[in-house]
């Protein structure tokens, strides 16, 4: 019964949410292997870097990205912790050209 309900919920999602869901699933698998075996290849960029953007932000897209990442984290059998989720969000923001900044990330090898 639960599986049927989840399938119905998936069918009710918009096309963009379905595409994002599958994309985030693949990116989460990629980020798992990246952080598991190639930690030094994961580049977050500069933390606390200020940005100025005159571009309007599509908040519906931002909410869809947030929704799909939260759904995928609950159903993946592999480790998908906050560091992986941040990396996934960063990649999607870059792809959709959404301005973002990273705050409070502990970089690998840092003592603080």
PDB file of N, CA and C in Angstrom:
ATOM      1  N   UNK A   1       0.811  -1.195   0.000  1.00  0.00           N
ATOM      2  CA  UNK A   1       0.000   0.000   0.000  1.00  0.00           C
ATOM      3  C   UNK A   1       0.859   1.266   0.000  1.00  0.00           C
ATOM      4  N   UNK A   2       1.957   1.240   0.789  1.00  0.00           N
ATOM      5  CA  UNK A   2       2.825   2.409   0.848  1.00  0.00           C
ATOM      6  C   UNK A   2       3.498   2.683  -0.497  1.00  0.00           C
ATOM      7  N   UNK A   3       3.887   1.624  -1.188  1.00  0.00           N
ATOM      8  CA  UNK A   3       4.562   1.785  -2.470  1.00  0.00           C
ATOM      9  C   UNK A   3       3.608   2.415  -3.483  1.00  0.00           C
ATOM     10  N   UNK A   4       2.363   1.988  -3.482  1.00  0.00           N
ATOM     11  CA  UNK A   4       1.369   2.566  -4.387  1.00  0.00           C
ATOM     12  C   UNK A   4       1.156   4.048  -4.119  1.00  0.00           C
ATOM     13  N   UNK A   5       1.162   4.439  -2.854  1.00  0.00           N
ATOM     14  CA  UNK A   5       1.003   5.849  -2.487  1.00  0.00           C
ATOM     15  C   UNK A   5       2.195   6.669  -2.970  1.00  0.00           C
ATOM     16  N   UNK A   6       3.380   6.113  -2.835  1.00  0.00           N
ATOM     17  CA  UNK A   6       4.582   6.826  -3.287  1.00  0.00           C
ATOM     18  C   UNK A   6       4.616   6.966  -4.802  1.00  0.00           C
ATOM     19  N   UNK A   7       4.138   5.945  -5.500  1.00  0.00           N
ATOM     20  CA  UNK A   7       4.064   6.028  -6.964  1.00  0.00           C
ATOM     21  C   UNK A   7       3.061   7.105  -7.383  1.00  0.00           C
ATOM     22  N   UNK A   8       1.932   7.167  -6.700  1.00  0.00           N
ATOM     23  CA  UNK A   8       0.933   8.201  -6.992  1.00  0.00           C
ATOM     24  C   UNK A   8       1.510   9.596  -6.755  1.00  0.00           C
ATOM     25  N   UNK A   9       2.263   9.754  -5.670  1.00  0.00           N
ATOM     26  CA  UNK A   9       2.887  11.053  -5.384  1.00  0.00           C
ATOM     27  C   UNK A   9       3.906  11.413  -6.461  1.00  0.00           C
ATOM     28  N   UNK A  10       4.667  10.417  -6.922  1.00  0.00           N
ATOM     29  CA  UNK A  10       5.653  10.672  -7.978  1.00  0.00           C
ATOM     30  C   UNK A  10       4.957  11.101  -9.260  1.00  0.00           C
ATOM     31  N   UNK A  11       3.859  10.466  -9.594  1.00  0.00           N
ATOM     32  CA  UNK A  11       3.126  10.813 -10.816  1.00  0.00           C
ATOM     33  C   UNK A  11       2.578  12.239 -10.739  1.00  0.00           C
ATOM     34  N   UNK A  12       2.190  12.679  -9.544  1.00  0.00           N
ATOM     35  CA  UNK A  12       1.635  14.023  -9.369  1.00  0.00           C
ATOM     36  C   UNK A  12       2.691  15.131  -9.443  1.00  0.00           C
ATOM     37  N   UNK A  13       3.972  14.781  -9.357  1.00  0.00           N
ATOM     38  CA  UNK A  13       5.030  15.788  -9.430  1.00  0.00           C
ATOM     39  C   UNK A  13       5.046  16.420 -10.816  1.00  0.00           C
ATOM     40  N   UNK A  14       5.508  17.658 -10.864  1.00  0.00           N
ATOM     41  CA  UNK A  14       5.649  18.321 -12.162  1.00  0.00           C
ATOM     42  C   UNK A  14       6.796  17.688 -12.938  1.00  0.00           C
ATOM     43  N   UNK A  15       6.833  17.961 -14.223  1.00  0.00           N
ATOM     44  CA  UNK A  15       7.897  17.409 -15.068  1.00  0.00           C
ATOM     45  C   UNK A  15       9.258  17.880 -14.585  1.00  0.00           C
ATOM     46  N   UNK A  16       9.352  19.162 -14.224  1.00  0.00           N
ATOM     47  CA  UNK A  16      10.631  19.691 -13.742  1.00  0.00           C
ATOM     48  C   UNK A  16      11.055  18.981 -12.467  1.00  0.00           C
ATOM     49  N   UNK A  17      10.117  18.710 -11.557  1.00  0.00           N
ATOM     50  CA  UNK A  17      10.462  18.019 -10.319  1.00  0.00           C
ATOM     51  C   UNK A  17      10.908  16.582 -10.584  1.00  0.00           C
ATOM     52  N   UNK A  18      10.276  15.924 -11.555  1.00  0.00           N
ATOM     53  CA  UNK A  18      10.688  14.557 -11.897  1.00  0.00           C
ATOM     54  C   UNK A  18      12.098  14.540 -12.478  1.00  0.00           C
ATOM     55  N   UNK A  19      12.379  15.490 -13.361  1.00  0.00           N
ATOM     56  CA  UNK A  19      13.722  15.575 -13.956  1.00  0.00           C
ATOM     57  C   UNK A  19      14.750  15.906 -12.874  1.00  0.00           C
ATOM     58  N   UNK A  20      14.421  16.856 -11.998  1.00  0.00           N
ATOM     59  CA  UNK A  20      15.332  17.206 -10.906  1.00  0.00           C
ATOM     60  C   UNK A  20      15.548  16.022  -9.969  1.00  0.00           C
ATOM     61  N   UNK A  21      14.502  15.264  -9.709  1.00  0.00           N
ATOM     62  CA  UNK A  21      14.617  14.108  -8.827  1.00  0.00           C
ATOM     63  C   UNK A  21      15.600  13.087  -9.381  1.00  0.00           C
ATOM     64  N   UNK A  22      15.482  12.786 -10.648  1.00  0.00           N
ATOM     65  CA  UNK A  22      16.405  11.835 -11.270  1.00  0.00           C
ATOM     66  C   UNK A  22      17.818  12.414 -11.363  1.00  0.00           C
ATOM     67  N   UNK A  23      17.915  13.710 -11.643  1.00  0.00           N
ATOM     68  CA  UNK A  23      19.225  14.364 -11.707  1.00  0.00           C
ATOM     69  C   UNK A  23      19.909  14.348 -10.347  1.00  0.00           C
ATOM     70  N   UNK A  24      19.165  14.702  -9.301  1.00  0.00           N
ATOM     71  CA  UNK A  24      19.739  14.719  -7.953  1.00  0.00           C
ATOM     72  C   UNK A  24      20.123  13.307  -7.521  1.00  0.00           C
ATOM     73  N   UNK A  25      19.355  12.317  -7.921  1.00  0.00           N
ATOM     74  CA  UNK A  25      19.704  10.938  -7.601  1.00  0.00           C
ATOM     75  C   UNK A  25      21.066  10.573  -8.193  1.00  0.00           C
ATOM     76  N   UNK A  26      21.286  10.938  -9.447  1.00  0.00           N
ATOM     77  CA  UNK A  26      22.575  10.657 -10.091  1.00  0.00           C
ATOM     78  C   UNK A  26      23.697  11.489  -9.470  1.00  0.00           C
ATOM     79  N   UNK A  27      23.415  12.764  -9.184  1.00  0.00           N
ATOM     80  CA  UNK A  27      24.439  13.620  -8.568  1.00  0.00           C
ATOM     81  C   UNK A  27      24.775  13.132  -7.171  1.00  0.00           C
ATOM     82  N   UNK A  28      23.791  12.625  -6.434  1.00  0.00           N
ATOM     83  CA  UNK A  28      24.068  12.127  -5.082  1.00  0.00           C
ATOM     84  C   UNK A  28      24.973  10.900  -5.129  1.00  0.00           C
ATOM     85  N   UNK A  29      24.756  10.038  -6.111  1.00  0.00           N
ATOM     86  CA  UNK A  29      25.639   8.887  -6.281  1.00  0.00           C
ATOM     87  C   UNK A  29      27.054   9.349  -6.638  1.00  0.00           C
ATOM     88  N   UNK A  30      27.137  10.328  -7.531  1.00  0.00           N
ATOM     89  CA  UNK A  30      28.435  10.900  -7.910  1.00  0.00           C
ATOM     90  C   UNK A  30      29.131  11.509  -6.689  1.00  0.00           C
ATOM     91  N   UNK A  31      28.389  12.297  -5.899  1.00  0.00           N
ATOM     92  CA  UNK A  31      29.009  12.949  -4.737  1.00  0.00           C
ATOM     93  C   UNK A  31      29.426  11.929  -3.683  1.00  0.00           C
ATOM     94  N   UNK A  32      28.666  10.847  -3.556  1.00  0.00           N
ATOM     95  CA  UNK A  32      29.062   9.792  -2.620  1.00  0.00           C
ATOM     96  C   UNK A  32      30.426   9.227  -2.997  1.00  0.00           C
ATOM     97  N   UNK A  33      30.600   8.840  -4.257  1.00  0.00           N
ATOM     98  CA  UNK A  33      31.889   8.297  -4.689  1.00  0.00           C
ATOM     99  C   UNK A  33      32.994   9.343  -4.630  1.00  0.00           C
ATOM    100  N   UNK A  34      32.654  10.581  -4.945  1.00  0.00           N
ATOM    101  CA  UNK A  34      33.640  11.657  -4.911  1.00  0.00           C
ATOM    102  C   UNK A  34      34.174  11.847  -3.497  1.00  0.00           C
ATOM    103  N   UNK A  35      33.273  11.965  -2.516  1.00  0.00           N
ATOM    104  CA  UNK A  35      33.713  12.190  -1.139  1.00  0.00           C
ATOM    105  C   UNK A  35      34.245  10.926  -0.488  1.00  0.00           C
ATOM    106  N   UNK A  36      33.874   9.794  -0.970  1.00  0.00           N
ATOM    107  CA  UNK A  36      34.338   8.537  -0.395  1.00  0.00           C
ATOM    108  C   UNK A  36      35.758   8.189  -0.844  1.00  0.00           C
ATOM    109  N   UNK A  37      36.043   8.401  -2.135  1.00  0.00           N
ATOM    110  CA  UNK A  37      37.318   7.940  -2.678  1.00  0.00           C
ATOM    111  C   UNK A  37      38.228   9.055  -3.200  1.00  0.00           C
ATOM    112  N   UNK A  38      37.683  10.226  -3.532  1.00  0.00           N
ATOM    113  CA  UNK A  38      38.474  11.298  -4.133  1.00  0.00           C
ATOM    114  C   UNK A  38      38.224  12.618  -3.403  1.00  0.00           C
ATOM    115  N   UNK A  39      38.429  12.648  -2.093  1.00  0.00           N
ATOM    116  CA  UNK A  39      38.076  13.808  -1.270  1.00  0.00           C
ATOM    117  C   UNK A  39      38.713  15.102  -1.746  1.00  0.00           C
ATOM    118  N   UNK A  40      39.937  15.039  -2.215  1.00  0.00           N
ATOM    119  CA  UNK A  40      40.640  16.263  -2.595  1.00  0.00           C
ATOM    120  C   UNK A  40      40.194  16.802  -3.947  1.00  0.00           C
ATOM    121  N   UNK A  41      39.414  16.046  -4.687  1.00  0.00           N
ATOM    122  CA  UNK A  41      38.887  16.516  -5.969  1.00  0.00           C
ATOM    123  C   UNK A  41      37.590  17.302  -5.806  1.00  0.00           C
ATOM    124  N   UNK A  42      36.979  17.232  -4.637  1.00  0.00           N
ATOM    125  CA  UNK A  42      35.722  17.957  -4.387  1.00  0.00           C
ATOM    126  C   UNK A  42      36.043  19.413  -4.086  1.00  0.00           C
ATOM    127  N   UNK A  43      35.659  20.292  -4.972  1.00  0.00           N
ATOM    128  CA  UNK A  43      35.948  21.728  -4.815  1.00  0.00           C
ATOM    129  C   UNK A  43      34.652  22.476  -4.540  1.00  0.00           C
ATOM    130  N   UNK A  44      34.617  23.147  -3.398  1.00  0.00           N
ATOM    131  CA  UNK A  44      33.455  23.945  -3.043  1.00  0.00           C
ATOM    132  C   UNK A  44      33.599  25.395  -3.475  1.00  0.00           C
ATOM    133  N   UNK A  45      34.788  25.845  -3.718  1.00  0.00           N
ATOM    134  CA  UNK A  45      34.983  27.260  -4.034  1.00  0.00           C
ATOM    135  C   UNK A  45      35.377  28.009  -2.772  1.00  0.00           C
ATOM    136  N   UNK A  46      35.016  29.277  -2.697  1.00  0.00           N
ATOM    137  CA  UNK A  46      35.375  30.117  -1.555  1.00  0.00           C
ATOM    138  C   UNK A  46      34.193  30.270  -0.621  1.00  0.00           C
ATOM    139  N   UNK A  47      34.398  29.988   0.655  1.00  0.00           N
ATOM    140  CA  UNK A  47      33.343  30.174   1.644  1.00  0.00           C
ATOM    141  C   UNK A  47      33.259  31.644   2.037  1.00  0.00           C
ATOM    142  N   UNK A  48      32.087  32.086   2.404  1.00  0.00           N
ATOM    143  CA  UNK A  48      31.825  33.460   2.856  1.00  0.00           C
ATOM    144  C   UNK A  48      32.213  34.507   1.829  1.00  0.00           C
ATOM    145  N   UNK A  49      32.196  34.155   0.575  1.00  0.00           N
ATOM    146  CA  UNK A  49      32.520  35.091  -0.493  1.00  0.00           C
ATOM    147  C   UNK A  49      31.260  35.901  -0.821  1.00  0.00           C
ATOM    148  N   UNK A  50      31.399  37.217  -0.811  1.00  0.00           N
ATOM    149  CA  UNK A  50      30.248  38.057  -1.116  1.00  0.00           C
ATOM    150  C   UNK A  50      29.977  38.044  -2.605  1.00  0.00           C
ATOM    151  N   UNK A  51      28.723  38.176  -2.945  1.00  0.00           N
ATOM    152  CA  UNK A  51      28.347  38.245  -4.343  1.00  0.00           C
ATOM    153  C   UNK A  51      27.262  39.292  -4.510  1.00  0.00           C
ATOM    154  N   UNK A  52      27.249  39.881  -5.670  1.00  0.00           N
ATOM    155  CA  UNK A  52      26.219  40.847  -6.020  1.00  0.00           C
ATOM    156  C   UNK A  52      25.589  40.351  -7.307  1.00  0.00           C
ATOM    157  N   UNK A  53      24.282  40.210  -7.273  1.00  0.00           N
ATOM    158  CA  UNK A  53      23.588  39.725  -8.451  1.00  0.00           C
ATOM    159  C   UNK A  53      22.420  40.642  -8.765  1.00  0.00           C
ATOM    160  N   UNK A  54      22.337  41.021 -10.018  1.00  0.00           N
ATOM    161  CA  UNK A  54      21.216  41.839 -10.465  1.00  0.00           C
ATOM    162  C   UNK A  54      20.189  40.972 -11.181  1.00  0.00           C
ATOM    163  N   UNK A  55      20.411  39.690 -11.161  1.00  0.00           N
ATOM    164  CA  UNK A  55      19.537  38.742 -11.833  1.00  0.00           C
ATOM    165  C   UNK A  55      18.403  38.342 -10.880  1.00  0.00           C
ATOM    166  N   UNK A  56      17.201  38.235 -11.407  1.00  0.00           N
ATOM    167  CA  UNK A  56      16.093  37.778 -10.573  1.00  0.00           C
ATOM    168  C   UNK A  56      16.207  36.269 -10.366  1.00  0.00           C
ATOM    169  N   UNK A  57      15.844  35.839  -9.191  1.00  0.00           N
ATOM    170  CA  UNK A  57      15.974  34.434  -8.834  1.00  0.00           C
ATOM    171  C   UNK A  57      14.610  33.765  -8.951  1.00  0.00           C
ATOM    172  N   UNK A  58      14.573  32.653  -9.631  1.00  0.00           N
ATOM    173  CA  UNK A  58      13.359  31.866  -9.759  1.00  0.00           C
ATOM    174  C   UNK A  58      13.185  31.050  -8.477  1.00  0.00           C
ATOM    175  N   UNK A  59      12.389  31.571  -7.558  1.00  0.00           N
ATOM    176  CA  UNK A  59      12.242  30.925  -6.253  1.00  0.00           C
ATOM    177  C   UNK A  59      11.533  29.572  -6.347  1.00  0.00           C
ATOM    178  N   UNK A  60      10.684  29.396  -7.343  1.00  0.00           N
ATOM    179  CA  UNK A  60      10.030  28.095  -7.523  1.00  0.00           C
ATOM    180  C   UNK A  60      11.074  27.028  -7.856  1.00  0.00           C
ATOM    181  N   UNK A  61      12.057  27.387  -8.672  1.00  0.00           N
ATOM    182  CA  UNK A  61      13.132  26.456  -9.009  1.00  0.00           C
ATOM    183  C   UNK A  61      13.980  26.149  -7.774  1.00  0.00           C
ATOM    184  N   UNK A  62      14.263  27.170  -6.983  1.00  0.00           N
ATOM    185  CA  UNK A  62      15.041  26.973  -5.754  1.00  0.00           C
ATOM    186  C   UNK A  62      14.301  26.029  -4.810  1.00  0.00           C
ATOM    187  N   UNK A  63      12.998  26.210  -4.678  1.00  0.00           N
ATOM    188  CA  UNK A  63      12.201  25.325  -3.816  1.00  0.00           C
ATOM    189  C   UNK A  63      12.168  23.903  -4.361  1.00  0.00           C
ATOM    190  N   UNK A  64      12.090  23.767  -5.683  1.00  0.00           N
ATOM    191  CA  UNK A  64      12.107  22.435  -6.283  1.00  0.00           C
ATOM    192  C   UNK A  64      13.442  21.729  -6.044  1.00  0.00           C
ATOM    193  N   UNK A  65      14.534  22.469  -6.143  1.00  0.00           N
ATOM    194  CA  UNK A  65      15.860  21.893  -5.879  1.00  0.00           C
ATOM    195  C   UNK A  65      15.946  21.439  -4.425  1.00  0.00           C
ATOM    196  N   UNK A  66      15.509  22.287  -3.525  1.00  0.00           N
ATOM    197  CA  UNK A  66      15.528  21.945  -2.102  1.00  0.00           C
ATOM    198  C   UNK A  66      14.649  20.730  -1.815  1.00  0.00           C
ATOM    199  N   UNK A  67      13.469  20.698  -2.407  1.00  0.00           N
ATOM    200  CA  UNK A  67      12.546  19.577  -2.217  1.00  0.00           C
ATOM    201  C   UNK A  67      13.152  18.266  -2.712  1.00  0.00           C
ATOM    202  N   UNK A  68      13.709  18.281  -3.910  1.00  0.00           N
ATOM    203  CA  UNK A  68      14.234  17.036  -4.477  1.00  0.00           C
ATOM    204  C   UNK A  68      15.444  16.521  -3.699  1.00  0.00           C
ATOM    205  N   UNK A  69      16.281  17.427  -3.218  1.00  0.00           N
ATOM    206  CA  UNK A  69      17.437  16.990  -2.425  1.00  0.00           C
ATOM    207  C   UNK A  69      16.977  16.375  -1.108  1.00  0.00           C
ATOM    208  N   UNK A  70      15.950  16.965  -0.492  1.00  0.00           N
ATOM    209  CA  UNK A  70      15.452  16.403   0.768  1.00  0.00           C
ATOM    210  C   UNK A  70      14.762  15.054   0.550  1.00  0.00           C
ATOM    211  N   UNK A  71      14.103  14.867  -0.586  1.00  0.00           N
ATOM    212  CA  UNK A  71      13.463  13.580  -0.890  1.00  0.00           C
ATOM    213  C   UNK A  71      14.528  12.520  -1.162  1.00  0.00           C
ATOM    214  N   UNK A  72      15.515  12.866  -1.969  1.00  0.00           N
ATOM    215  CA  UNK A  72      16.559  11.891  -2.333  1.00  0.00           C
ATOM    216  C   UNK A  72      17.349  11.460  -1.104  1.00  0.00           C
ATOM    217  N   UNK A  73      17.612  12.373  -0.177  1.00  0.00           N
ATOM    218  CA  UNK A  73      18.404  12.000   1.007  1.00  0.00           C
ATOM    219  C   UNK A  73      17.692  10.960   1.865  1.00  0.00           C
ATOM    220  N   UNK A  74      16.357  10.954   1.809  1.00  0.00           N
ATOM    221  CA  UNK A  74      15.608   9.981   2.614  1.00  0.00           C
ATOM    222  C   UNK A  74      15.545   8.594   1.993  1.00  0.00           C
ATOM    223  N   UNK A  75      15.773   8.484   0.700  1.00  0.00           N
ATOM    224  CA  UNK A  75      15.561   7.209   0.022  1.00  0.00           C
ATOM    225  C   UNK A  75      16.811   6.580  -0.583  1.00  0.00           C
ATOM    226  N   UNK A  76      17.955   7.214  -0.465  1.00  0.00           N
ATOM    227  CA  UNK A  76      19.165   6.614  -1.026  1.00  0.00           C
ATOM    228  C   UNK A  76      19.769   5.632  -0.030  1.00  0.00           C
ATOM    229  N   UNK A  77      20.201   4.472  -0.509  1.00  0.00           N
ATOM    230  CA  UNK A  77      20.820   3.507   0.393  1.00  0.00           C
ATOM    231  C   UNK A  77      22.266   3.866   0.744  1.00  0.00           C
ATOM    232  N   UNK A  78      22.889   4.778  -0.010  1.00  0.00           N
ATOM    233  CA  UNK A  78      24.252   5.175   0.280  1.00  0.00           C
ATOM    234  C   UNK A  78      24.245   6.422   1.163  1.00  0.00           C
ATOM    235  N   UNK A  79      25.409   6.740   1.690  1.00  0.00           N
ATOM    236  CA  UNK A  79      25.561   7.892   2.582  1.00  0.00           C
ATOM    237  C   UNK A  79      25.323   9.184   1.801  1.00  0.00           C
ATOM    238  N   UNK A  80      24.427  10.015   2.316  1.00  0.00           N
ATOM    239  CA  UNK A  80      24.118  11.294   1.678  1.00  0.00           C
ATOM    240  C   UNK A  80      23.971  12.344   2.775  1.00  0.00           C
ATOM    241  N   UNK A  81      25.086  12.704   3.384  1.00  0.00           N
ATOM    242  CA  UNK A  81      25.096  13.630   4.513  1.00  0.00           C
ATOM    243  C   UNK A  81      25.073  15.072   4.030  1.00  0.00           C
ATOM    244  N   UNK A  82      25.073  16.012   4.963  1.00  0.00           N
ATOM    245  CA  UNK A  82      24.907  17.426   4.615  1.00  0.00           C
ATOM    246  C   UNK A  82      26.005  17.942   3.686  1.00  0.00           C
ATOM    247  N   UNK A  83      27.223  17.456   3.835  1.00  0.00           N
ATOM    248  CA  UNK A  83      28.315  17.879   2.957  1.00  0.00           C
ATOM    249  C   UNK A  83      28.021  17.475   1.513  1.00  0.00           C
ATOM    250  N   UNK A  84      27.491  16.288   1.325  1.00  0.00           N
ATOM    251  CA  UNK A  84      27.134  15.813  -0.014  1.00  0.00           C
ATOM    252  C   UNK A  84      25.964  16.624  -0.565  1.00  0.00           C
ATOM    253  N   UNK A  85      24.980  16.915   0.277  1.00  0.00           N
ATOM    254  CA  UNK A  85      23.817  17.685  -0.148  1.00  0.00           C
ATOM    255  C   UNK A  85      24.217  19.108  -0.539  1.00  0.00           C
ATOM    256  N   UNK A  86      25.138  19.695   0.207  1.00  0.00           N
ATOM    257  CA  UNK A  86      25.625  21.032  -0.137  1.00  0.00           C
ATOM    258  C   UNK A  86      26.319  21.014  -1.490  1.00  0.00           C
ATOM    259  N   UNK A  87      27.100  19.994  -1.729  1.00  0.00           N
ATOM    260  CA  UNK A  87      27.779  19.867  -3.018  1.00  0.00           C
ATOM    261  C   UNK A  87      26.775  19.714  -4.156  1.00  0.00           C
ATOM    262  N   UNK A  88      25.730  18.932  -3.929  1.00  0.00           N
ATOM    263  CA  UNK A  88      24.685  18.751  -4.929  1.00  0.00           C
ATOM    264  C   UNK A  88      23.975  20.075  -5.215  1.00  0.00           C
ATOM    265  N   UNK A  89      23.638  20.806  -4.159  1.00  0.00           N
ATOM    266  CA  UNK A  89      22.982  22.112  -4.334  1.00  0.00           C
ATOM    267  C   UNK A  89      23.882  23.073  -5.093  1.00  0.00           C
ATOM    268  N   UNK A  90      25.166  23.062  -4.771  1.00  0.00           N
ATOM    269  CA  UNK A  90      26.105  23.949  -5.442  1.00  0.00           C
ATOM    270  C   UNK A  90      26.170  23.636  -6.940  1.00  0.00           C
ATOM    271  N   UNK A  91      26.241  22.357  -7.283  1.00  0.00           N
ATOM    272  CA  UNK A  91      26.295  21.978  -8.699  1.00  0.00           C
ATOM    273  C   UNK A  91      25.024  22.406  -9.440  1.00  0.00           C
ATOM    274  N   UNK A  92      23.869  22.208  -8.825  1.00  0.00           N
ATOM    275  CA  UNK A  92      22.613  22.597  -9.464  1.00  0.00           C
ATOM    276  C   UNK A  92      22.483  24.117  -9.580  1.00  0.00           C
ATOM    277  N   UNK A  93      22.931  24.841  -8.564  1.00  0.00           N
ATOM    278  CA  UNK A  93      22.895  26.311  -8.635  1.00  0.00           C
ATOM    279  C   UNK A  93      23.808  26.821  -9.744  1.00  0.00           C
ATOM    280  N   UNK A  94      24.959  26.219  -9.883  1.00  0.00           N
ATOM    281  CA  UNK A  94      25.851  26.599 -10.986  1.00  0.00           C
ATOM    282  C   UNK A  94      25.212  26.302 -12.336  1.00  0.00           C
ATOM    283  N   UNK A  95      24.580  25.130 -12.462  1.00  0.00           N
ATOM    284  CA  UNK A  95      23.973  24.740 -13.724  1.00  0.00           C
ATOM    285  C   UNK A  95      22.837  25.689 -14.111  1.00  0.00           C
ATOM    286  N   UNK A  96      21.995  26.027 -13.146  1.00  0.00           N
ATOM    287  CA  UNK A  96      20.864  26.914 -13.422  1.00  0.00           C
ATOM    288  C   UNK A  96      21.208  28.389 -13.262  1.00  0.00           C
ATOM    289  N   UNK A  97      22.487  28.688 -13.006  1.00  0.00           N
ATOM    290  CA  UNK A  97      22.993  30.051 -12.849  1.00  0.00           C
ATOM    291  C   UNK A  97      22.241  30.806 -11.759  1.00  0.00           C
ATOM    292  N   UNK A  98      22.048  30.157 -10.632  1.00  0.00           N
ATOM    293  CA  UNK A  98      21.427  30.765  -9.465  1.00  0.00           C
ATOM    294  C   UNK A  98      22.549  31.232  -8.552  1.00  0.00           C
ATOM    295  N   UNK A  99      22.553  32.498  -8.153  1.00  0.00           N
ATOM    296  CA  UNK A  99      23.607  32.958  -7.246  1.00  0.00           C
ATOM    297  C   UNK A  99      23.499  32.258  -5.888  1.00  0.00           C
ATOM    298  N   UNK A 100      24.636  31.912  -5.329  1.00  0.00           N
ATOM    299  CA  UNK A 100      24.664  31.210  -4.048  1.00  0.00           C
ATOM    300  C   UNK A 100      25.933  31.601  -3.313  1.00  0.00           C
ATOM    301  N   UNK A 101      25.967  31.342  -2.016  1.00  0.00           N
ATOM    302  CA  UNK A 101      27.211  31.477  -1.272  1.00  0.00           C
ATOM    303  C   UNK A 101      27.243  30.387  -0.212  1.00  0.00           C
ATOM    304  N   UNK A 102      28.438  29.998   0.143  1.00  0.00           N
ATOM    305  CA  UNK A 102      28.646  28.949   1.134  1.00  0.00           C
ATOM    306  C   UNK A 102      29.035  29.593   2.447  1.00  0.00           C
ATOM    307  N   UNK A 103      28.401  29.198   3.502  1.00  0.00           N
ATOM    308  CA  UNK A 103      28.694  29.778   4.795  1.00  0.00           C
ATOM    309  C   UNK A 103      28.859  28.651   5.813  1.00  0.00           C
ATOM    310  N   UNK A 104      29.953  28.713   6.541  1.00  0.00           N
ATOM    311  CA  UNK A 104      30.165  27.771   7.627  1.00  0.00           C
ATOM    312  C   UNK A 104      30.524  26.360   7.216  1.00  0.00           C
ATOM    313  N   UNK A 105      31.204  26.219   6.086  1.00  0.00           N
ATOM    314  CA  UNK A 105      31.626  24.887   5.650  1.00  0.00           C
ATOM    315  C   UNK A 105      33.012  24.607   6.200  1.00  0.00           C
ATOM    316  N   UNK A 106      33.162  23.462   6.793  1.00  0.00           N
ATOM    317  CA  UNK A 106      34.478  23.041   7.275  1.00  0.00           C
ATOM    318  C   UNK A 106      35.166  22.316   6.130  1.00  0.00           C
ATOM    319  N   UNK A 107      36.225  22.918   5.632  1.00  0.00           N
ATOM    320  CA  UNK A 107      36.940  22.329   4.504  1.00  0.00           C
ATOM    321  C   UNK A 107      37.794  21.164   4.961  1.00  0.00           C
ATOM    322  N   UNK A 108      38.018  20.230   4.074  1.00  0.00           N
ATOM    323  CA  UNK A 108      38.835  19.075   4.397  1.00  0.00           C
ATOM    324  C   UNK A 108      40.247  19.527   4.758  1.00  0.00           C
ATOM    325  N   UNK A 109      40.731  19.002   5.862  1.00  0.00           N
ATOM    326  CA  UNK A 109      42.087  19.336   6.276  1.00  0.00           C
ATOM    327  C   UNK A 109      42.173  20.606   7.116  1.00  0.00           C
ATOM    328  N   UNK A 110      41.073  21.307   7.338  1.00  0.00           N
ATOM    329  CA  UNK A 110      41.139  22.518   8.167  1.00  0.00           C
ATOM    330  C   UNK A 110      40.926  22.136   9.625  1.00  0.00           C
ATOM    331  N   UNK A 111      41.484  22.912  10.503  1.00  0.00           N
ATOM    332  CA  UNK A 111      41.408  22.612  11.934  1.00  0.00           C
ATOM    333  C   UNK A 111      40.288  23.356  12.628  1.00  0.00           C
ATOM    334  N   UNK A 112      39.693  24.331  11.976  1.00  0.00           N
ATOM    335  CA  UNK A 112      38.660  25.130  12.651  1.00  0.00           C
ATOM    336  C   UNK A 112      37.285  24.569  12.468  1.00  0.00           C
TER     337      UNK A 112
END
